[in-house]
Each structure stands twice: as C-alpha cells, then as structure tokens.
Protein backbone atom coordinates (compact mmCIF):
# COMPACT_ATOMS: atom_id res chain seq x y z
CA MET A 1 87.75 137.91 200.09
CA ARG A 2 91.02 137.15 198.59
CA ASN A 3 91.12 136.19 194.88
CA ILE A 4 92.68 132.76 194.61
CA ARG A 5 94.05 131.72 191.24
CA SER A 6 95.45 128.35 190.45
CA LYS A 7 98.80 128.57 188.84
CA VAL A 8 99.43 126.33 185.86
CA SER A 9 102.89 126.09 184.48
CA PRO A 10 103.29 127.19 180.85
CA GLY A 11 104.43 123.67 179.90
CA VAL A 12 101.24 122.06 181.27
CA ALA A 13 99.06 124.65 179.52
CA ALA A 14 100.84 124.03 176.20
CA LEU A 15 100.44 120.26 176.61
CA ALA A 16 96.74 120.65 177.34
CA ALA A 17 96.32 122.83 174.25
CA LEU A 18 98.06 120.22 172.10
CA LEU A 19 95.81 117.46 173.42
CA VAL A 20 92.62 119.42 172.79
CA ALA A 21 93.64 120.83 169.38
CA PRO A 22 93.56 117.52 167.45
CA ALA A 23 90.00 116.87 168.61
CA TRP A 24 88.96 120.32 167.51
CA LEU A 25 90.77 120.05 164.17
CA ALA A 26 89.42 116.55 163.51
CA SER A 27 85.83 117.61 163.94
CA PRO A 28 85.13 120.27 161.35
CA ALA A 29 81.52 120.65 160.32
CA LEU A 30 80.99 117.25 158.82
CA ALA A 31 79.50 117.31 155.37
CA ALA A 32 75.99 115.92 155.38
CA GLU A 33 75.32 112.93 153.23
CA PRO A 34 72.08 111.96 151.55
CA THR A 35 71.32 108.91 153.68
CA GLY A 36 68.00 109.29 155.46
CA LEU A 37 64.32 109.77 154.70
CA TRP A 38 63.34 112.23 151.94
CA GLN A 39 60.04 113.75 150.81
CA THR A 40 59.77 113.59 147.02
CA ALA A 41 58.39 116.37 144.86
CA SER A 42 55.30 114.47 143.72
CA ARG A 43 52.49 112.23 144.96
CA GLY A 44 53.51 112.41 148.61
CA GLY A 45 56.38 110.02 148.06
CA GLN A 46 58.89 109.24 150.77
CA VAL A 47 62.17 107.55 149.85
CA GLU A 48 64.77 106.22 152.25
CA ILE A 49 68.29 106.61 150.88
CA TYR A 50 70.81 104.17 152.37
CA ARG A 51 74.28 102.77 151.78
CA CYS A 52 74.39 99.59 149.72
CA GLY A 53 78.03 98.61 149.77
CA ALA A 54 80.09 101.53 148.49
CA ALA A 55 77.10 102.98 146.62
CA LEU A 56 73.86 104.74 147.54
CA CYS A 57 70.46 103.14 147.01
CA GLY A 58 66.91 104.20 147.82
CA ARG A 59 63.63 102.45 148.57
CA LEU A 60 60.07 103.71 148.32
CA VAL A 61 58.69 103.89 151.87
CA SER A 62 55.39 105.68 151.34
CA SER A 63 53.28 107.58 148.82
CA GLU A 64 49.67 108.71 148.34
CA GLY A 65 49.02 105.46 146.47
CA LEU A 66 50.55 103.30 149.21
CA LYS A 67 48.54 105.13 151.87
CA ALA A 68 45.35 104.33 149.94
CA ASP A 69 46.44 100.72 149.24
CA PRO A 70 49.42 99.38 151.24
CA ASN A 71 49.51 96.32 148.96
CA LEU A 72 49.93 98.37 145.77
CA LYS A 73 51.79 96.45 143.06
CA ASP A 74 54.23 97.55 140.37
CA THR A 75 51.58 97.26 137.64
CA ALA A 76 53.18 99.79 135.24
CA ASN A 77 56.51 97.91 135.07
CA SER A 78 57.72 97.48 131.48
CA ASN A 79 58.74 93.92 132.44
CA ALA A 80 55.49 91.93 132.77
CA ALA A 81 57.18 89.41 135.08
CA GLN A 82 57.71 92.14 137.72
CA ARG A 83 54.22 93.63 137.72
CA GLY A 84 53.17 91.60 140.76
CA ARG A 85 55.91 92.89 143.08
CA ALA A 86 54.97 95.20 145.94
CA LEU A 87 55.84 98.89 145.65
CA ARG A 88 56.27 99.34 149.42
CA ASN A 89 60.03 99.17 150.19
CA LEU A 90 60.86 98.59 146.52
CA THR A 91 64.41 99.66 145.66
CA ILE A 92 63.91 102.46 143.14
CA MET A 93 67.43 103.94 143.22
CA SER A 94 70.71 102.06 142.96
CA GLY A 95 74.37 102.32 142.02
CA PHE A 96 75.08 105.96 142.87
CA SER A 97 78.74 106.61 143.60
CA GLY A 98 80.83 109.69 144.35
CA GLY A 99 80.36 112.28 147.04
CA PRO A 100 80.67 114.29 149.15
CA LYS A 101 78.09 116.51 147.41
CA GLU A 102 77.46 114.75 144.08
CA TRP A 103 76.77 111.13 143.22
CA SER A 104 76.33 109.79 139.69
CA GLY A 105 76.26 106.60 137.65
CA GLY A 106 73.09 105.39 139.30
CA SER A 107 69.69 104.37 138.05
CA ILE A 108 66.24 105.54 139.08
CA TYR A 109 63.11 103.46 138.61
CA ASN A 110 59.89 105.42 138.04
CA ALA A 111 56.96 103.28 139.17
CA GLU A 112 54.51 105.64 137.46
CA ASP A 113 55.72 104.74 133.96
CA GLY A 114 57.56 101.49 134.74
CA LYS A 115 60.84 102.69 133.27
CA THR A 116 64.38 103.03 134.61
CA TYR A 117 66.46 106.15 134.00
CA SER A 118 70.11 107.05 134.48
CA GLY A 119 70.53 109.55 137.26
CA SER A 120 72.57 111.72 139.54
CA ILE A 121 72.14 113.13 143.05
CA THR A 122 73.33 116.52 144.26
CA LEU A 123 73.14 117.50 147.91
CA ASP A 124 72.23 121.18 148.11
CA GLY A 125 72.73 121.96 151.80
CA ASP A 126 71.94 119.50 154.56
CA ASP A 127 68.22 119.16 153.87
CA THR A 128 67.78 119.59 150.11
CA LEU A 129 68.56 117.01 147.46
CA LYS A 130 68.38 117.42 143.69
CA LEU A 131 67.64 114.16 141.90
CA ARG A 132 68.19 114.20 138.15
CA GLY A 133 66.91 111.45 135.88
CA CYS A 134 67.69 111.21 132.18
CA VAL A 135 66.29 109.16 129.31
CA VAL A 136 69.32 110.28 127.32
CA ALA A 137 71.18 113.53 128.01
CA PRO A 138 70.00 116.26 127.48
CA LEU A 139 66.51 114.77 127.97
CA CYS A 140 66.56 115.04 131.75
CA LYS A 141 64.27 116.10 134.56
CA THR A 142 65.33 117.31 138.00
CA GLN A 143 63.29 117.05 141.20
CA THR A 144 64.03 118.72 144.51
CA TRP A 145 63.51 116.54 147.59
CA THR A 146 63.39 117.68 151.22
CA ARG A 147 64.92 115.76 154.12
CA LEU A 148 62.43 114.40 156.65
CA ARG A 149 65.10 112.79 158.89
C-alpha cells in the first residue's frame, strides 16, 4: 500500500500552533486551595473550608462527639449566651486572607475550651494543611489536617 500523507502548509501549521499554545500556557498546574473537606488531627473532626467573600472560613461538619450526639451544643463557650448553639455546622474559622499557599489574619474557635485564637493556614501540598492557632505569639500550636475531598 502506498503511504498517503496529508500536506499542511507551513503557515497553517504555525497558525494552529499559535492557537493551541495560549491554552497550554494558560493552564499550568493550578495551585490547590484549601477549600474542601478536611480531617482534623483530633477527635475525628471534619471541617469544611469555604470562601466567605474574599476570605476563607470553616465550619465543623462532624466529630466523635457529634456522631455520638448530633444535637451537641457549644457548652464550653466562654460566652454564656452562646452555650445553647449547635456545634454541627458551626463556623469555627473566619477571616483568613492571603494565598496562594498561606492565609493569615483569621480566627479559630476551639469548641473544646470555648475560646477563640488568632490563626494562620498553610497549604503543604494539595492534601495537607497546617493550621496554626495562637493565644499570643509565640504561644502557638500547629495541627496538620488531611484533605478528605
């Protein structure tokens, strides 16, 4: 059999390359962002991080305590008026700004002790997040969370 090749003029080939190149250049490996569902480092917690305006926020979706009692209340809150609010879907992170790998200026509410701490988030790869909470620097604690989705 005879080998049949289609002949494309050099001008058409160059035009095709120019049309494809911008799509290739515009789609570098996109940096992951921390929105999604994360497994916390303690008590089986799961936190959904989402965009709240220009900032990042997070809500408590599940934990060992919520699995045992889905109606668990915020009984440890330092503000007595808020001790009756439900922990399920409670916003526990708010006001984080920055990116693409680090966000700061936010606050983290710890339902275990009822206190709010200043915090920062660092994305360490696509599926690992370092959450740092501070009473006052240098009195800080860092947890590593793992992405669930």
